[in-house]
N, C-alpha and C. Protein backbone atom coordinates (compact mmCIF):
# COMPACT_ATOMS: atom_id res chain seq x y z
N MET A 1 1.14 12.24 12.74
CA MET A 1 0.55 11.83 11.47
C MET A 1 -0.95 11.99 11.57
N CYS A 2 -1.50 12.64 10.58
CA CYS A 2 -2.94 12.90 10.59
C CYS A 2 -3.52 12.59 9.22
N PHE A 3 -4.62 11.90 9.23
CA PHE A 3 -5.36 11.66 8.00
C PHE A 3 -6.60 12.54 8.02
N GLU A 4 -6.98 13.05 6.88
CA GLU A 4 -8.21 13.82 6.78
C GLU A 4 -9.39 12.86 7.02
N THR A 5 -10.51 13.43 7.45
CA THR A 5 -11.67 12.58 7.69
C THR A 5 -12.31 12.13 6.38
N THR A 6 -12.10 12.86 5.31
CA THR A 6 -12.54 12.41 4.00
C THR A 6 -11.32 12.34 3.10
N MET A 7 -11.39 11.52 2.09
CA MET A 7 -10.26 11.42 1.18
C MET A 7 -10.76 11.41 -0.24
N ASN A 8 -9.91 11.88 -1.12
CA ASN A 8 -10.22 11.85 -2.54
C ASN A 8 -9.84 10.47 -3.05
N PHE A 9 -10.82 9.74 -3.53
CA PHE A 9 -10.58 8.39 -4.01
C PHE A 9 -10.17 8.46 -5.47
N SER A 10 -9.01 7.92 -5.77
CA SER A 10 -8.48 7.97 -7.13
C SER A 10 -8.21 6.55 -7.63
N THR A 11 -8.46 6.35 -8.90
CA THR A 11 -8.13 5.06 -9.52
C THR A 11 -7.08 5.24 -10.61
N THR A 12 -6.44 6.40 -10.62
CA THR A 12 -5.46 6.70 -11.67
C THR A 12 -4.10 7.07 -11.08
N MET A 13 -3.77 6.50 -9.94
CA MET A 13 -2.49 6.82 -9.30
C MET A 13 -1.34 6.17 -10.05
N ASN A 14 -0.21 6.89 -10.13
CA ASN A 14 1.00 6.32 -10.73
C ASN A 14 1.90 5.78 -9.62
N ARG A 15 3.04 5.21 -9.99
CA ARG A 15 3.93 4.59 -9.01
C ARG A 15 4.37 5.59 -7.94
N THR A 16 4.71 6.80 -8.33
CA THR A 16 5.15 7.80 -7.36
C THR A 16 4.07 8.09 -6.33
N GLU A 17 2.84 8.24 -6.79
CA GLU A 17 1.72 8.51 -5.88
C GLU A 17 1.43 7.31 -4.98
N ILE A 18 1.51 6.12 -5.54
CA ILE A 18 1.28 4.90 -4.76
C ILE A 18 2.34 4.76 -3.68
N GLU A 19 3.60 4.96 -4.04
CA GLU A 19 4.67 4.82 -3.06
C GLU A 19 4.59 5.90 -1.99
N LYS A 20 4.16 7.09 -2.36
CA LYS A 20 3.99 8.15 -1.37
C LYS A 20 2.90 7.76 -0.36
N MET A 21 1.78 7.25 -0.86
CA MET A 21 0.70 6.86 0.04
C MET A 21 1.10 5.66 0.90
N LEU A 22 1.88 4.75 0.36
CA LEU A 22 2.38 3.64 1.17
C LEU A 22 3.23 4.16 2.32
N GLY A 23 4.02 5.19 2.05
CA GLY A 23 4.82 5.81 3.10
C GLY A 23 3.95 6.45 4.17
N GLU A 24 2.86 7.09 3.76
CA GLU A 24 1.93 7.68 4.71
C GLU A 24 1.27 6.59 5.56
N CYS A 25 0.91 5.49 4.92
CA CYS A 25 0.31 4.37 5.66
C CYS A 25 1.31 3.77 6.64
N ARG A 26 2.57 3.68 6.21
CA ARG A 26 3.62 3.16 7.09
C ARG A 26 3.78 4.06 8.32
N ALA A 27 3.80 5.38 8.10
CA ALA A 27 3.93 6.33 9.22
C ALA A 27 2.73 6.22 10.16
N PHE A 28 1.54 6.08 9.60
CA PHE A 28 0.33 5.94 10.42
C PHE A 28 0.39 4.67 11.25
N SER A 29 0.81 3.57 10.62
CA SER A 29 0.86 2.30 11.36
C SER A 29 1.92 2.34 12.45
N ALA A 30 3.02 3.03 12.20
CA ALA A 30 4.04 3.17 13.24
C ALA A 30 3.51 4.00 14.40
N ALA A 31 2.81 5.09 14.09
CA ALA A 31 2.24 5.94 15.14
C ALA A 31 1.16 5.20 15.92
N ALA A 32 0.46 4.29 15.27
CA ALA A 32 -0.61 3.52 15.92
C ALA A 32 -0.05 2.27 16.62
N GLU A 33 1.27 2.15 16.61
CA GLU A 33 1.94 1.02 17.25
C GLU A 33 1.47 -0.32 16.69
N LEU A 34 1.56 -0.41 15.36
CA LEU A 34 1.22 -1.64 14.64
C LEU A 34 2.47 -2.16 13.94
N PRO A 35 3.40 -2.77 14.70
CA PRO A 35 4.69 -3.13 14.13
C PRO A 35 4.62 -4.12 12.97
N GLY A 36 3.66 -5.03 13.00
CA GLY A 36 3.53 -5.99 11.90
C GLY A 36 3.18 -5.31 10.59
N VAL A 37 2.25 -4.36 10.66
CA VAL A 37 1.85 -3.62 9.47
C VAL A 37 2.99 -2.72 9.01
N THR A 38 3.63 -2.05 9.96
CA THR A 38 4.75 -1.17 9.63
C THR A 38 5.85 -1.94 8.91
N LYS A 39 6.15 -3.13 9.39
CA LYS A 39 7.19 -3.95 8.77
C LYS A 39 6.81 -4.32 7.34
N LEU A 40 5.55 -4.70 7.13
CA LEU A 40 5.09 -5.06 5.78
C LEU A 40 5.16 -3.88 4.82
N LEU A 41 5.01 -2.67 5.33
CA LEU A 41 5.01 -1.48 4.47
C LEU A 41 6.39 -0.84 4.36
N THR A 42 7.40 -1.49 4.91
CA THR A 42 8.78 -1.00 4.84
C THR A 42 9.49 -1.66 3.66
N GLY A 43 10.24 -0.88 2.92
CA GLY A 43 11.01 -1.41 1.80
C GLY A 43 10.17 -1.78 0.59
N VAL A 44 9.09 -1.05 0.37
CA VAL A 44 8.17 -1.39 -0.72
C VAL A 44 8.47 -0.64 -2.02
N ASN A 45 9.27 0.40 -1.96
CA ASN A 45 9.53 1.17 -3.17
C ASN A 45 10.20 0.31 -4.23
N GLY A 46 9.62 0.34 -5.42
CA GLY A 46 10.17 -0.39 -6.55
C GLY A 46 9.71 -1.84 -6.66
N LEU A 47 8.96 -2.33 -5.68
CA LEU A 47 8.48 -3.71 -5.76
C LEU A 47 7.46 -3.87 -6.89
N PRO A 48 7.43 -5.03 -7.52
CA PRO A 48 6.41 -5.27 -8.55
C PRO A 48 5.01 -5.35 -7.93
N ALA A 49 4.01 -5.10 -8.73
CA ALA A 49 2.62 -5.07 -8.27
C ALA A 49 2.20 -6.33 -7.51
N PRO A 50 2.55 -7.55 -7.97
CA PRO A 50 2.11 -8.73 -7.22
C PRO A 50 2.68 -8.79 -5.79
N ASP A 51 3.92 -8.33 -5.62
CA ASP A 51 4.52 -8.31 -4.29
C ASP A 51 3.84 -7.27 -3.40
N LEU A 52 3.53 -6.11 -3.97
CA LEU A 52 2.83 -5.08 -3.22
C LEU A 52 1.43 -5.56 -2.83
N GLU A 53 0.77 -6.22 -3.75
CA GLU A 53 -0.57 -6.73 -3.46
C GLU A 53 -0.54 -7.71 -2.29
N LEU A 54 0.43 -8.59 -2.28
CA LEU A 54 0.55 -9.56 -1.19
C LEU A 54 0.78 -8.86 0.15
N ARG A 55 1.66 -7.87 0.16
CA ARG A 55 1.93 -7.15 1.41
C ARG A 55 0.71 -6.37 1.88
N ILE A 56 0.03 -5.71 0.96
CA ILE A 56 -1.16 -4.94 1.34
C ILE A 56 -2.25 -5.87 1.86
N MET A 57 -2.43 -7.01 1.22
CA MET A 57 -3.44 -7.97 1.69
C MET A 57 -3.11 -8.47 3.09
N HIS A 58 -1.83 -8.73 3.36
CA HIS A 58 -1.43 -9.14 4.71
C HIS A 58 -1.69 -8.03 5.72
N CYS A 59 -1.44 -6.79 5.33
CA CYS A 59 -1.73 -5.65 6.21
C CYS A 59 -3.22 -5.60 6.54
N LEU A 60 -4.05 -5.72 5.52
CA LEU A 60 -5.50 -5.68 5.74
C LEU A 60 -5.95 -6.81 6.65
N HIS A 61 -5.35 -7.97 6.48
CA HIS A 61 -5.70 -9.09 7.34
C HIS A 61 -5.32 -8.79 8.80
N GLN A 62 -4.14 -8.21 9.01
CA GLN A 62 -3.71 -7.89 10.36
C GLN A 62 -4.58 -6.81 11.00
N LEU A 63 -5.06 -5.87 10.18
CA LEU A 63 -5.89 -4.79 10.71
C LEU A 63 -7.28 -5.28 11.08
N GLY A 64 -7.73 -6.35 10.46
CA GLY A 64 -8.96 -7.02 10.85
C GLY A 64 -10.23 -6.20 10.77
N ALA A 65 -10.31 -5.23 9.88
CA ALA A 65 -11.53 -4.42 9.69
C ALA A 65 -11.98 -3.71 10.96
N LYS A 66 -11.05 -3.38 11.83
CA LYS A 66 -11.39 -2.67 13.07
C LYS A 66 -11.68 -1.21 12.75
N ASP A 67 -12.72 -0.68 13.35
CA ASP A 67 -13.14 0.69 13.09
C ASP A 67 -12.03 1.71 13.36
N GLU A 68 -11.22 1.48 14.37
CA GLU A 68 -10.19 2.46 14.70
C GLU A 68 -9.10 2.56 13.63
N TYR A 69 -9.06 1.60 12.71
CA TYR A 69 -8.09 1.63 11.62
C TYR A 69 -8.76 1.90 10.27
N ALA A 70 -9.97 2.41 10.28
CA ALA A 70 -10.74 2.60 9.04
C ALA A 70 -10.01 3.47 8.02
N LEU A 71 -9.33 4.51 8.46
CA LEU A 71 -8.67 5.40 7.51
C LEU A 71 -7.52 4.70 6.78
N ILE A 72 -6.71 3.96 7.51
CA ILE A 72 -5.61 3.25 6.85
C ILE A 72 -6.15 2.12 5.98
N ILE A 73 -7.21 1.47 6.43
CA ILE A 73 -7.83 0.39 5.64
C ILE A 73 -8.36 0.95 4.32
N ASP A 74 -9.02 2.10 4.36
CA ASP A 74 -9.52 2.72 3.13
C ASP A 74 -8.39 3.06 2.18
N ARG A 75 -7.31 3.57 2.72
CA ARG A 75 -6.17 3.91 1.85
C ARG A 75 -5.53 2.67 1.25
N LEU A 76 -5.40 1.63 2.04
CA LEU A 76 -4.83 0.39 1.51
C LEU A 76 -5.74 -0.20 0.44
N ASP A 77 -7.04 -0.12 0.64
CA ASP A 77 -7.99 -0.58 -0.39
C ASP A 77 -7.81 0.21 -1.68
N MET A 78 -7.66 1.52 -1.56
CA MET A 78 -7.46 2.35 -2.75
C MET A 78 -6.16 1.98 -3.45
N LEU A 79 -5.13 1.69 -2.68
CA LEU A 79 -3.86 1.29 -3.28
C LEU A 79 -4.00 -0.02 -4.04
N LEU A 80 -4.75 -0.96 -3.49
CA LEU A 80 -4.98 -2.23 -4.20
C LEU A 80 -5.64 -2.00 -5.56
N ILE A 81 -6.61 -1.12 -5.58
CA ILE A 81 -7.30 -0.81 -6.83
C ILE A 81 -6.37 -0.18 -7.85
N ASN A 82 -5.36 0.56 -7.37
CA ASN A 82 -4.44 1.25 -8.26
C ASN A 82 -3.23 0.41 -8.69
N LEU A 83 -3.03 -0.74 -8.12
CA LEU A 83 -1.84 -1.54 -8.46
C LEU A 83 -1.73 -1.88 -9.94
N PRO A 84 -2.82 -2.11 -10.66
CA PRO A 84 -2.67 -2.38 -12.10
C PRO A 84 -2.05 -1.21 -12.88
N ASN A 85 -2.03 -0.02 -12.28
CA ASN A 85 -1.43 1.14 -12.96
C ASN A 85 0.08 1.12 -12.92
N LEU A 86 0.69 0.26 -12.12
CA LEU A 86 2.14 0.23 -12.00
C LEU A 86 2.77 -0.27 -13.30
N GLN A 87 3.89 0.35 -13.62
CA GLN A 87 4.60 -0.06 -14.84
C GLN A 87 6.04 -0.36 -14.55
């Protein structure tokens, strides 16, 4: 699993795009041996926005703003911003 060093920041993601990025974050966390984060990002497809927000916030808390997880943290932040787009 590889993340680009730069990412396109979007605030107009739809559910399909959000769920795809959650899957990428789950794969990254599994590869980084972060079982707590991986578990929180498992089974998220179709969840309502408040439930996704809670899981993402718990992931961010577990990651603790560590530099080595900056790419996944940035993606999770972007997902939080896009949650109001869910329908």
